[in-house]
Amino acid sequence: MQYNLLIERTLRDAQGILRANLPPAKNLPDNQAVQSLRAIVRTPQLREVLGRGNDTALCFVLRAVNRILVDHGQPDRMTINRLWDVLDQPEFNRILRSLQKMKKPPAR
């Protein structure tokens, strides 16, 4: 299994869910956003990645996201704010952009 690709896709999906929760559109209420994020992190494939994935920057970010999502005692809005703190870091976004550029075929 290609852990790095799964981690990258999951983190991009998580950012997409958070973006769907942003005002003014706010197409996804807080509770649904948190439930959706918990669902993607709880898949068997992601559980395996969290346990066996290489210690890459993206894997550390995924582990941080998981730690935030397992805390059921905090309000959904606080969970979302904490996730933004992790998933909107400039260095993290730079890594995602560089990975995207690597996947694009060279211009002819």
Protein backbone atom coordinates (compact mmCIF):
# COMPACT_ATOMS: atom_id res chain seq x y z
CA MET A 1 0.00 0.00 0.00
CA GLN A 2 1.27 3.45 -0.87
CA TYR A 3 0.98 5.20 2.49
CA ASN A 4 2.23 8.58 1.32
CA LEU A 5 -0.44 8.89 -1.36
CA LEU A 6 -3.17 7.88 1.07
CA ILE A 7 -1.93 10.38 3.66
CA GLU A 8 -1.77 13.17 1.10
CA ARG A 9 -5.26 12.42 -0.25
CA THR A 10 -6.72 12.23 3.26
CA LEU A 11 -5.19 15.55 4.31
CA ARG A 12 -6.44 17.23 1.13
CA ASP A 13 -9.90 15.77 1.79
CA ALA A 14 -9.77 17.09 5.36
CA GLN A 15 -8.91 20.57 4.09
CA GLY A 16 -11.81 20.32 1.65
CA ILE A 17 -14.24 19.46 4.45
CA LEU A 18 -12.96 22.38 6.51
CA ARG A 19 -13.33 24.73 3.54
CA ALA A 20 -16.94 23.60 3.08
CA ASN A 21 -17.52 24.77 6.66
CA LEU A 22 -16.17 28.31 6.08
CA PRO A 23 -18.48 31.32 6.11
CA PRO A 24 -20.20 32.91 4.31
CA ALA A 25 -21.40 29.81 2.41
CA LYS A 26 -20.90 27.39 5.31
CA ASN A 27 -22.35 24.52 3.32
CA LEU A 28 -21.41 22.06 6.04
CA PRO A 29 -22.47 22.62 9.66
CA ASP A 30 -19.85 22.17 12.40
CA ASN A 31 -21.19 18.85 13.66
CA GLN A 32 -21.34 17.34 10.16
CA ALA A 33 -17.84 18.57 9.35
CA VAL A 34 -16.42 16.95 12.50
CA GLN A 35 -18.35 13.72 11.86
CA SER A 36 -17.07 13.58 8.27
CA LEU A 37 -13.49 14.16 9.39
CA ARG A 38 -13.74 11.49 12.06
CA ALA A 39 -15.14 9.06 9.50
CA ILE A 40 -12.22 9.46 7.10
CA VAL A 41 -9.61 9.12 9.86
CA ARG A 42 -11.26 6.01 11.28
CA THR A 43 -11.07 3.91 8.13
CA PRO A 44 -9.05 0.70 8.48
CA GLN A 45 -6.54 1.94 5.89
CA LEU A 46 -5.91 5.14 7.87
CA ARG A 47 -5.61 3.23 11.14
CA GLU A 48 -2.88 1.15 9.47
CA VAL A 49 -1.14 4.27 8.16
CA LEU A 50 -1.18 5.87 11.61
CA GLY A 51 0.45 2.78 13.06
CA ARG A 52 2.86 1.85 10.30
CA GLY A 53 3.42 4.95 8.20
CA ASN A 54 6.88 6.42 7.83
CA ASP A 55 7.70 9.41 9.99
CA THR A 56 7.24 11.97 7.24
CA ALA A 57 5.98 15.51 7.75
CA LEU A 58 2.60 14.57 6.28
CA CYS A 59 2.29 11.55 8.56
CA PHE A 60 2.97 13.76 11.58
CA VAL A 61 0.24 16.15 10.39
CA LEU A 62 -2.17 13.22 9.98
CA ARG A 63 -1.34 12.03 13.50
CA ALA A 64 -2.00 15.54 14.83
CA VAL A 65 -5.36 15.60 13.04
CA ASN A 66 -6.20 12.22 14.53
CA ARG A 67 -5.28 13.39 18.05
CA ILE A 68 -7.59 16.38 17.70
CA LEU A 69 -10.46 14.27 16.38
CA VAL A 70 -10.32 11.63 19.13
CA ASP A 71 -11.09 14.29 21.74
CA HIS A 72 -14.89 14.04 21.89
CA GLY A 73 -15.10 16.29 24.95
CA GLN A 74 -14.57 19.56 23.12
CA PRO A 75 -17.22 21.48 21.17
CA ASP A 76 -17.28 20.96 17.40
CA ARG A 77 -16.29 24.60 16.76
CA MET A 78 -13.18 24.18 18.94
CA THR A 79 -12.29 20.97 17.09
CA ILE A 80 -12.57 22.78 13.76
CA ASN A 81 -10.46 25.70 14.99
CA ARG A 82 -7.76 23.32 16.23
CA LEU A 83 -7.80 21.47 12.91
CA TRP A 84 -7.35 24.76 11.02
CA ASP A 85 -4.34 25.49 13.26
CA VAL A 86 -2.76 22.27 11.98
CA LEU A 87 -4.00 22.13 8.38
CA ASP A 88 -3.43 25.77 7.49
CA GLN A 89 0.25 26.00 8.42
CA PRO A 90 2.30 27.65 5.66
CA GLU A 91 4.94 24.90 5.71
CA PHE A 92 2.32 22.16 5.41
CA ASN A 93 0.64 23.93 2.48
CA ARG A 94 4.03 24.43 0.82
CA ILE A 95 4.65 20.67 1.02
CA LEU A 96 1.25 19.91 -0.51
CA ARG A 97 1.87 22.39 -3.34
CA SER A 98 5.29 20.90 -4.09
CA LEU A 99 3.80 17.39 -4.19
CA GLN A 100 1.12 18.61 -6.59
CA LYS A 101 3.75 20.14 -8.88
CA MET A 102 5.70 16.87 -8.89
CA LYS A 103 2.62 15.01 -10.15
CA LYS A 104 1.95 17.30 -13.09
CA PRO A 105 3.41 16.15 -16.40
CA PRO A 106 6.07 18.47 -17.82
CA ALA A 107 4.80 21.16 -20.17
CA ARG A 108 5.58 20.60 -23.82
